[in-house]
């Protein structure tokens, strides 16, 4: 990936299997200034779950975001708007 990603929104829709899901990956600072990766997922139109990963550096948080992005794309998620 070129450049820094701070927010990525992914969708996975398959009406034949009643699948309508979203996944959001974003990097933001914590209250103490550490970079955190926030992962949100659920059915489109609802918010089901949120996970937070604290990282030591912005670069490690970006690497984790890209790793999750690749993992989700292998499972059929597509970047929203592309």
C-alpha atoms as a PDB file:
ATOM      1  CA  UNK A   1       0.000   0.000   0.000  1.00  0.00           C
ATOM      2  CA  UNK A   2       1.263   3.415  -0.810  1.00  0.00           C
ATOM      3  CA  UNK A   3       0.672   6.304   1.545  1.00  0.00           C
ATOM      4  CA  UNK A   4      -0.856   6.186   4.990  1.00  0.00           C
ATOM      5  CA  UNK A   5      -4.363   4.928   5.552  1.00  0.00           C
ATOM      6  CA  UNK A   6      -6.219   6.202   8.599  1.00  0.00           C
ATOM      7  CA  UNK A   7      -9.763   4.991   7.864  1.00  0.00           C
ATOM      8  CA  UNK A   8     -10.943   2.122   5.662  1.00  0.00           C
ATOM      9  CA  UNK A   9     -14.567   1.011   5.295  1.00  0.00           C
ATOM     10  CA  UNK A  10     -15.209  -2.453   3.860  1.00  0.00           C
ATOM     11  CA  UNK A  11     -18.463  -4.131   2.829  1.00  0.00           C
ATOM     12  CA  UNK A  12     -19.406  -7.711   2.088  1.00  0.00           C
ATOM     13  CA  UNK A  13     -22.790  -8.299   0.459  1.00  0.00           C
ATOM     14  CA  UNK A  14     -24.146 -11.608  -0.834  1.00  0.00           C
ATOM     15  CA  UNK A  15     -27.963 -11.666  -1.025  1.00  0.00           C
ATOM     16  CA  UNK A  16     -28.005 -15.387  -1.869  1.00  0.00           C
ATOM     17  CA  UNK A  17     -26.478 -16.113   1.562  1.00  0.00           C
ATOM     18  CA  UNK A  18     -28.213 -13.245   3.407  1.00  0.00           C
ATOM     19  CA  UNK A  19     -24.818 -11.617   4.046  1.00  0.00           C
ATOM     20  CA  UNK A  20     -24.740  -7.843   4.479  1.00  0.00           C
ATOM     21  CA  UNK A  21     -21.756  -6.872   6.627  1.00  0.00           C
ATOM     22  CA  UNK A  22     -19.411  -3.967   7.140  1.00  0.00           C
ATOM     23  CA  UNK A  23     -15.948  -3.663   8.668  1.00  0.00           C
ATOM     24  CA  UNK A  24     -14.273  -0.373   9.627  1.00  0.00           C
ATOM     25  CA  UNK A  25     -10.554  -0.022  10.362  1.00  0.00           C
ATOM     26  CA  UNK A  26      -9.252   3.287  11.685  1.00  0.00           C
ATOM     27  CA  UNK A  27      -6.185   4.629  13.441  1.00  0.00           C
ATOM     28  CA  UNK A  28      -6.605   7.337  16.055  1.00  0.00           C
ATOM     29  CA  UNK A  29      -4.742   8.560  19.137  1.00  0.00           C
ATOM     30  CA  UNK A  30      -5.667   7.258  22.580  1.00  0.00           C
ATOM     31  CA  UNK A  31      -6.178   9.547  25.554  1.00  0.00           C
ATOM     32  CA  UNK A  32      -2.492   9.057  26.363  1.00  0.00           C
ATOM     33  CA  UNK A  33      -1.281   9.757  22.817  1.00  0.00           C
ATOM     34  CA  UNK A  34      -0.570   6.151  21.817  1.00  0.00           C
ATOM     35  CA  UNK A  35      -1.807   5.176  18.355  1.00  0.00           C
ATOM     36  CA  UNK A  36      -4.701   2.722  18.493  1.00  0.00           C
ATOM     37  CA  UNK A  37      -6.303   0.631  15.775  1.00  0.00           C
ATOM     38  CA  UNK A  38     -10.081   0.550  16.146  1.00  0.00           C
ATOM     39  CA  UNK A  39     -11.908  -2.309  14.407  1.00  0.00           C
ATOM     40  CA  UNK A  40     -15.684  -2.139  14.104  1.00  0.00           C
ATOM     41  CA  UNK A  41     -17.863  -4.776  12.489  1.00  0.00           C
ATOM     42  CA  UNK A  42     -21.470  -5.777  12.128  1.00  0.00           C
ATOM     43  CA  UNK A  43     -24.466  -6.004   9.858  1.00  0.00           C
ATOM     44  CA  UNK A  44     -24.971  -2.997   7.607  1.00  0.00           C
ATOM     45  CA  UNK A  45     -27.325  -0.651   9.462  1.00  0.00           C
ATOM     46  CA  UNK A  46     -26.249  -1.868  12.915  1.00  0.00           C
ATOM     47  CA  UNK A  47     -23.151  -1.655  15.126  1.00  0.00           C
ATOM     48  CA  UNK A  48     -22.359  -4.985  16.716  1.00  0.00           C
ATOM     49  CA  UNK A  49     -18.801  -5.039  17.985  1.00  0.00           C
ATOM     50  CA  UNK A  50     -15.778  -2.802  18.463  1.00  0.00           C
ATOM     51  CA  UNK A  51     -12.219  -3.900  19.271  1.00  0.00           C
ATOM     52  CA  UNK A  52      -9.264  -1.674  20.151  1.00  0.00           C
ATOM     53  CA  UNK A  53      -5.588  -2.535  19.698  1.00  0.00           C
ATOM     54  CA  UNK A  54      -2.956  -0.261  21.283  1.00  0.00           C
ATOM     55  CA  UNK A  55       0.327   0.027  19.356  1.00  0.00           C
ATOM     56  CA  UNK A  56       3.664   1.551  20.302  1.00  0.00           C
ATOM     57  CA  UNK A  57       4.162   3.541  17.092  1.00  0.00           C
ATOM     58  CA  UNK A  58       2.075   4.938  14.249  1.00  0.00           C
ATOM     59  CA  UNK A  59       3.978   2.683  11.834  1.00  0.00           C
ATOM     60  CA  UNK A  60       3.034  -0.478  13.744  1.00  0.00           C
ATOM     61  CA  UNK A  61      -0.590   0.619  13.845  1.00  0.00           C
ATOM     62  CA  UNK A  62      -0.481   1.210  10.064  1.00  0.00           C
ATOM     63  CA  UNK A  63       1.066  -2.245   9.535  1.00  0.00           C
ATOM     64  CA  UNK A  64      -1.715  -3.810  11.618  1.00  0.00           C
ATOM     65  CA  UNK A  65      -4.358  -1.909   9.628  1.00  0.00           C
ATOM     66  CA  UNK A  66      -2.900  -3.133   6.330  1.00  0.00           C
ATOM     67  CA  UNK A  67      -2.696  -6.691   7.663  1.00  0.00           C
ATOM     68  CA  UNK A  68      -6.372  -6.640   8.687  1.00  0.00           C
ATOM     69  CA  UNK A  69      -7.275  -5.073   5.327  1.00  0.00           C
ATOM     70  CA  UNK A  70      -5.587  -7.904   3.400  1.00  0.00           C
ATOM     71  CA  UNK A  71      -7.188 -10.515   5.671  1.00  0.00           C
ATOM     72  CA  UNK A  72     -10.687  -9.108   5.148  1.00  0.00           C
ATOM     73  CA  UNK A  73     -10.215  -8.754   1.384  1.00  0.00           C
ATOM     74  CA  UNK A  74      -9.299 -12.448   1.198  1.00  0.00           C
ATOM     75  CA  UNK A  75     -12.618 -13.203   2.927  1.00  0.00           C
ATOM     76  CA  UNK A  76     -14.612 -11.306   0.303  1.00  0.00           C
ATOM     77  CA  UNK A  77     -14.826  -7.794   1.744  1.00  0.00           C
ATOM     78  CA  UNK A  78     -14.447  -4.909  -0.709  1.00  0.00           C
ATOM     79  CA  UNK A  79     -13.427  -1.317   0.003  1.00  0.00           C
ATOM     80  CA  UNK A  80     -16.561   0.818  -0.016  1.00  0.00           C
ATOM     81  CA  UNK A  81     -16.764   3.096  -3.043  1.00  0.00           C
ATOM     82  CA  UNK A  82     -14.378   1.127  -5.247  1.00  0.00           C
END
